[in-house]
Amino acid sequence: MTGAPRTEPSGTGTSGAPRTGRVTIVGAGPGAADLLTFRAARAIAEADIVIWAASLVREEVLEHARADAEVLDSASMSLEEVTAVYARAAREGLRVARIHSGDPALWGGTQEQVDRCAELGVEVEIVPGVSSFSAVAAVAGRELTIPEVAQSVILTRLGGGKTPMPPGEEVREFARHGTTMAVFLSAARSGQLAVELLEGGYPTDTPVVIAHQATWPEELVVRCTVGTLEETVKEHRLWKHTLFLVGPALSASGTRSHLYHPGHFHGHRRADPAARRALRAAREAEASRE
């Protein structure tokens, strides 16, 4: 899809002054177009060229683009072809919005683009987006960090794919922490994933949330356990666009955060003295059990 030719001379602003090229790498979120941030929508609206991942991002995000914007699908483009667009933006003083799915900080091929832009002398801005792991947690109605259960979240992917994992970053090694894990890009090897989660120490009844195309109209969210993970994936014939949340926090209840406890104080609230004593006693009792 390519917009109509621009009537305004490229490389000039409304004042006629020369304009420098700029690339904005936009996090489009997990799929739903209304999860774009205001900043992301503005960057798309200001762009002379919009490069978007049609296989990963819903077409509705293009509603923010100008009618005369040039629109390119990155699914058929190599890094070299994308870099050529950035080089043209540098020469002609154009604005480019490069739309990625999820958040550009995670598995987006972002850094290599930033490096190429630095070589070209092109200004770069990165607009964060909603990551699929937080979107899936919201869809599932779960917090991933539950007091006394899990206070960390590990974001990772299974080894053996197109991009090798560095030594020490195997799923089985991360699983030894027993906390919440978000596992990306791994549905095609669900049997290996289940084995590594078990070898790392998760009990077979550890809860798992599996989400396919979260926030899309075709969204599928199913719950299972580590022990039934492989059969659940195969039952639903899941392959691409699938994320796993794993860990005891996904079914935990009955605990509470100290932040809103009446015995906890901060710069905007004083603690209730009796509740403060009770909270301190509970902490001391917990410490004595460790």
Protein backbone atom coordinates (compact mmCIF):
# COMPACT_ATOMS: atom_id res chain seq x y z
CA MET A 1 0.00 0.00 0.00
CA THR A 2 1.48 3.37 -1.03
CA GLY A 3 -0.03 6.76 -0.35
CA ALA A 4 -0.51 9.51 -2.95
CA PRO A 5 2.50 11.71 -3.79
CA ARG A 6 3.12 14.52 -1.32
CA THR A 7 2.29 18.01 -2.57
CA GLU A 8 4.72 19.62 -0.12
CA PRO A 9 8.41 19.48 -1.14
CA SER A 10 10.14 16.69 0.73
CA GLY A 11 12.75 17.74 3.26
CA THR A 12 11.05 21.02 4.22
CA GLY A 13 8.78 21.92 7.08
CA THR A 14 5.83 24.32 7.06
CA SER A 15 8.24 27.27 7.39
CA GLY A 16 10.25 26.12 4.37
CA ALA A 17 13.36 25.49 6.49
CA PRO A 18 15.36 22.31 5.77
CA ARG A 19 14.23 19.39 7.88
CA THR A 20 16.47 16.60 9.14
CA GLY A 21 15.46 12.97 8.74
CA ARG A 22 14.12 11.11 11.74
CA VAL A 23 13.17 7.51 12.46
CA THR A 24 10.69 6.71 15.20
CA ILE A 25 10.55 3.07 16.23
CA VAL A 26 7.00 2.57 17.48
CA GLY A 27 5.81 -0.17 19.82
CA ALA A 28 2.32 -1.05 18.59
CA GLY A 29 1.46 -3.35 21.49
CA PRO A 30 0.20 -6.94 21.31
CA GLY A 31 -2.40 -6.42 18.60
CA ALA A 32 -5.43 -4.33 19.56
CA ALA A 33 -5.09 -0.96 17.84
CA ASP A 34 -6.52 0.90 20.83
CA LEU A 35 -3.53 -0.20 22.92
CA LEU A 36 -1.32 2.25 21.02
CA THR A 37 -0.05 5.08 23.19
CA PHE A 38 -0.85 8.69 22.32
CA ARG A 39 2.83 9.18 21.51
CA ALA A 40 2.81 6.21 19.14
CA ALA A 41 -0.29 7.47 17.33
CA ARG A 42 1.26 10.93 16.97
CA ALA A 43 4.48 9.49 15.53
CA ILE A 44 2.51 7.54 12.91
CA ALA A 45 0.42 10.61 12.05
CA GLU A 46 3.53 12.74 11.51
CA ALA A 47 5.35 10.21 9.33
CA ASP A 48 6.08 10.63 5.63
CA ILE A 49 6.86 6.90 5.46
CA VAL A 50 5.26 4.19 7.60
CA ILE A 51 6.93 0.77 7.77
CA TRP A 52 4.78 -1.76 9.57
CA ALA A 53 4.89 -5.48 10.31
CA ALA A 54 1.68 -6.60 8.60
CA SER A 55 2.02 -10.17 9.86
CA LEU A 56 2.22 -9.02 13.49
CA VAL A 57 0.34 -5.72 13.74
CA ARG A 58 -3.33 -5.10 12.97
CA GLU A 59 -4.08 -2.88 9.98
CA GLU A 60 -6.19 -0.53 12.12
CA VAL A 61 -3.00 1.17 13.35
CA LEU A 62 -2.63 2.63 9.85
CA GLU A 63 -5.75 4.70 10.44
CA HIS A 64 -3.42 7.15 12.19
CA ALA A 65 -1.26 7.57 9.07
CA ARG A 66 -1.65 10.51 6.71
CA ALA A 67 -3.49 9.88 3.45
CA ASP A 68 -0.35 10.84 1.51
CA ALA A 69 2.06 8.73 3.59
CA GLU A 70 4.06 6.02 1.86
CA VAL A 71 3.22 2.70 3.56
CA LEU A 72 5.60 -0.28 3.35
CA ASP A 73 5.17 -3.80 4.70
CA SER A 74 8.32 -4.92 6.53
CA ALA A 75 7.32 -8.59 6.24
CA SER A 76 8.91 -8.70 2.80
CA MET A 77 11.86 -6.43 3.61
CA SER A 78 15.37 -7.27 4.77
CA LEU A 79 17.31 -5.07 7.21
CA GLU A 80 19.28 -3.75 4.23
CA GLU A 81 16.07 -2.70 2.48
CA VAL A 82 14.78 -1.00 5.61
CA THR A 83 18.14 0.73 6.04
CA ALA A 84 17.86 2.04 2.48
CA VAL A 85 14.58 3.73 3.47
CA TYR A 86 16.33 5.29 6.46
CA ALA A 87 19.11 6.52 4.18
CA ARG A 88 16.51 8.14 1.91
CA ALA A 89 14.93 9.76 4.95
CA ALA A 90 18.33 11.20 5.86
CA ARG A 91 18.86 12.59 2.35
CA GLU A 92 15.37 14.00 1.90
CA GLY A 93 14.61 15.08 5.46
CA LEU A 94 11.74 12.64 5.87
CA ARG A 95 10.00 11.29 8.96
CA VAL A 96 9.77 7.50 9.21
CA ALA A 97 7.56 5.55 11.64
CA ARG A 98 8.79 1.98 11.97
CA ILE A 99 5.97 0.04 13.65
CA HIS A 100 6.88 -3.06 15.67
CA SER A 101 4.58 -5.43 17.51
CA GLY A 102 4.67 -5.45 21.30
CA ASP A 103 7.47 -3.43 22.86
CA PRO A 104 10.60 -2.61 20.81
CA ALA A 105 12.82 -3.53 23.76
CA LEU A 106 11.97 -7.23 23.38
CA TRP A 107 12.84 -9.38 20.35
CA GLY A 108 12.17 -6.55 17.92
CA GLY A 109 15.44 -6.31 15.97
CA THR A 110 15.55 -2.79 17.37
CA GLN A 111 19.20 -2.32 18.27
CA GLU A 112 20.50 -3.21 14.81
CA GLN A 113 18.25 -0.51 13.35
CA VAL A 114 19.40 2.04 15.91
CA ASP A 115 23.01 1.19 15.04
CA ARG A 116 22.36 1.66 11.30
CA CYS A 117 20.67 4.99 11.94
CA ALA A 118 23.68 6.13 13.97
CA GLU A 119 25.93 5.27 11.01
CA LEU A 120 23.65 7.30 8.73
CA GLY A 121 23.42 10.21 11.15
CA VAL A 122 19.66 9.85 11.43
CA GLU A 123 17.90 10.93 14.62
CA VAL A 124 16.10 8.04 16.34
CA GLU A 125 13.28 7.99 18.88
CA ILE A 126 11.90 4.81 20.43
CA VAL A 127 8.29 4.76 21.61
CA PRO A 128 7.58 1.94 24.07
CA GLY A 129 4.59 -0.30 23.61
CA VAL A 130 2.51 -2.70 25.69
CA SER A 131 4.32 -6.04 25.77
CA SER A 132 2.35 -9.20 25.11
CA PHE A 133 3.31 -10.64 28.50
CA SER A 134 1.59 -7.80 30.37
CA ALA A 135 -1.36 -7.93 27.97
CA VAL A 136 -1.80 -11.66 28.59
CA ALA A 137 -1.65 -11.12 32.35
CA ALA A 138 -4.39 -8.50 32.00
CA VAL A 139 -6.55 -10.77 29.84
CA ALA A 140 -6.09 -13.59 32.36
CA GLY A 141 -6.93 -11.25 35.24
CA ARG A 142 -3.70 -12.01 37.07
CA GLU A 143 -0.90 -10.07 38.74
CA LEU A 144 2.48 -11.69 38.07
CA THR A 145 4.15 -10.56 41.30
CA ILE A 146 2.22 -11.84 44.31
CA PRO A 147 3.47 -11.08 47.84
CA GLU A 148 5.13 -14.10 49.49
CA VAL A 149 4.77 -16.11 46.24
CA ALA A 150 6.68 -14.44 43.40
CA GLN A 151 8.38 -11.06 43.27
CA SER A 152 10.23 -11.46 39.98
CA VAL A 153 9.27 -12.06 36.35
CA ILE A 154 11.65 -13.78 33.92
CA LEU A 155 11.15 -13.00 30.22
CA THR A 156 12.77 -15.56 27.96
CA ARG A 157 12.40 -17.92 25.02
CA LEU A 158 13.27 -21.53 24.36
CA GLY A 159 16.66 -22.37 22.90
CA GLY A 160 17.05 -24.12 19.57
CA GLY A 161 15.30 -21.56 17.39
CA LYS A 162 16.66 -19.35 14.63
CA THR A 163 18.57 -17.18 17.09
CA PRO A 164 20.89 -19.16 19.41
CA MET A 165 20.56 -18.59 23.15
CA PRO A 166 23.70 -17.48 25.00
CA PRO A 167 25.20 -20.02 27.44
CA GLY A 168 23.40 -20.12 30.78
CA GLU A 169 20.10 -18.80 29.42
CA GLU A 170 18.35 -22.14 29.07
CA VAL A 171 14.73 -22.34 30.23
CA ARG A 172 15.63 -25.13 32.66
CA GLU A 173 18.15 -22.84 34.38
CA PHE A 174 15.68 -19.97 34.73
CA ALA A 175 13.02 -22.41 35.95
CA ARG A 176 15.15 -23.18 39.02
CA HIS A 177 14.08 -19.82 40.47
CA GLY A 178 10.48 -21.04 40.71
CA THR A 179 9.11 -17.56 40.09
CA THR A 180 6.88 -16.27 37.27
CA MET A 181 8.14 -16.86 33.75
CA ALA A 182 6.91 -15.44 30.45
CA VAL A 183 8.09 -17.65 27.60
CA PHE A 184 7.95 -16.23 24.09
CA LEU A 185 8.46 -17.80 20.65
CA SER A 186 8.32 -21.39 21.85
CA ALA A 187 4.95 -22.96 20.91
CA ALA A 188 6.40 -24.92 18.00
CA ARG A 189 8.52 -26.92 20.50
CA SER A 190 6.05 -27.29 23.34
CA GLY A 191 7.35 -30.75 24.28
CA GLN A 192 10.87 -29.43 24.81
CA LEU A 193 9.48 -26.47 26.76
CA ALA A 194 7.54 -28.75 29.13
CA VAL A 195 10.59 -30.96 29.68
CA GLU A 196 12.84 -28.03 30.53
CA LEU A 197 10.29 -26.48 32.90
CA LEU A 198 10.02 -29.80 34.75
CA GLU A 199 13.78 -30.36 34.77
CA GLY A 200 14.19 -26.88 36.24
CA GLY A 201 12.01 -27.79 39.20
CA TYR A 202 8.48 -26.63 38.50
CA PRO A 203 6.02 -29.23 39.88
CA THR A 204 3.75 -30.81 37.27
CA ASP A 205 0.73 -28.99 38.73
CA THR A 206 2.29 -25.52 38.32
CA PRO A 207 -0.30 -23.32 36.60
CA VAL A 208 0.24 -22.13 33.02
CA VAL A 209 -1.64 -19.57 30.96
CA ILE A 210 -1.29 -20.02 27.19
CA ALA A 211 -2.38 -17.11 25.00
CA HIS A 212 -2.62 -17.06 21.22
CA GLN A 213 -2.95 -13.68 19.49
CA ALA A 214 -3.80 -11.91 22.74
CA THR A 215 -6.06 -8.83 22.27
CA TRP A 216 -6.83 -9.78 18.63
CA PRO A 217 -10.40 -10.74 17.62
CA GLU A 218 -9.05 -14.31 17.21
CA GLU A 219 -7.68 -14.31 20.77
CA LEU A 220 -7.48 -17.67 22.52
CA VAL A 221 -6.51 -17.97 26.19
CA VAL A 222 -6.40 -21.37 27.87
CA ARG A 223 -5.23 -22.50 31.28
CA CYS A 224 -3.40 -25.72 31.98
CA THR A 225 -0.42 -26.96 34.03
CA VAL A 226 3.19 -27.67 33.22
CA GLY A 227 2.25 -31.34 33.13
CA THR A 228 -0.46 -30.79 30.49
CA LEU A 229 1.25 -27.98 28.57
CA GLU A 230 2.34 -30.03 25.55
CA GLU A 231 -1.00 -31.75 25.00
CA THR A 232 -2.86 -28.45 25.40
CA VAL A 233 -0.73 -26.76 22.74
CA LYS A 234 -1.20 -29.66 20.34
CA GLU A 235 -4.94 -29.89 21.04
CA HIS A 236 -5.38 -26.27 19.94
CA ARG A 237 -2.78 -26.55 17.16
CA LEU A 238 -0.86 -23.53 18.36
CA TRP A 239 2.31 -22.47 16.62
CA LYS A 240 2.93 -18.77 16.04
CA HIS A 241 1.84 -15.72 18.07
CA THR A 242 1.67 -17.75 21.30
CA LEU A 243 2.92 -16.76 24.75
CA PHE A 244 3.23 -18.85 27.93
CA LEU A 245 2.94 -17.52 31.47
CA VAL A 246 4.20 -20.03 34.03
CA GLY A 247 4.42 -20.01 37.81
CA PRO A 248 2.61 -20.31 41.14
CA ALA A 249 1.53 -16.65 41.09
CA LEU A 250 -1.01 -17.53 38.39
CA SER A 251 -3.25 -19.26 40.93
CA ALA A 252 -2.12 -17.78 44.25
CA SER A 253 -4.51 -15.92 46.54
CA GLY A 254 -4.86 -14.94 50.18
CA THR A 255 -1.81 -12.69 50.42
CA ARG A 256 -1.72 -8.90 50.48
CA SER A 257 0.73 -6.15 49.66
CA HIS A 258 2.21 -4.13 52.51
CA LEU A 259 1.87 -0.98 50.38
CA TYR A 260 -1.81 -0.54 51.25
CA HIS A 261 -1.62 -2.08 54.70
CA PRO A 262 -2.82 0.39 57.38
CA GLY A 263 0.44 -0.29 59.23
CA HIS A 264 2.57 0.85 56.32
CA PHE A 265 3.49 4.52 56.01
CA HIS A 266 4.93 6.63 53.21
CA GLY A 267 5.20 10.27 52.23
CA HIS A 268 1.47 10.64 51.69
CA ARG A 269 0.01 8.52 54.49
CA ARG A 270 0.69 7.96 58.18
CA ALA A 271 0.55 4.46 59.63
CA ASP A 272 -2.04 3.39 62.15
CA PRO A 273 0.02 2.67 65.33
CA ALA A 274 -1.76 -0.58 66.26
CA ALA A 275 -1.63 -1.86 62.68
CA ARG A 276 2.04 -0.86 62.51
CA ARG A 277 2.84 -2.97 65.58
CA ALA A 278 0.91 -5.91 64.16
CA LEU A 279 2.73 -5.66 60.84
CA ARG A 280 6.12 -5.51 62.55
CA ALA A 281 5.26 -8.56 64.67
CA ALA A 282 4.22 -10.50 61.56
CA ARG A 283 7.53 -9.64 59.86
CA GLU A 284 9.52 -10.76 62.90
CA ALA A 285 7.60 -14.02 63.05
CA GLU A 286 8.26 -14.66 59.38
CA ALA A 287 11.95 -13.90 59.80
CA SER A 288 12.21 -16.35 62.70
CA ARG A 289 10.82 -19.14 60.52
CA GLU A 290 13.46 -18.64 57.85
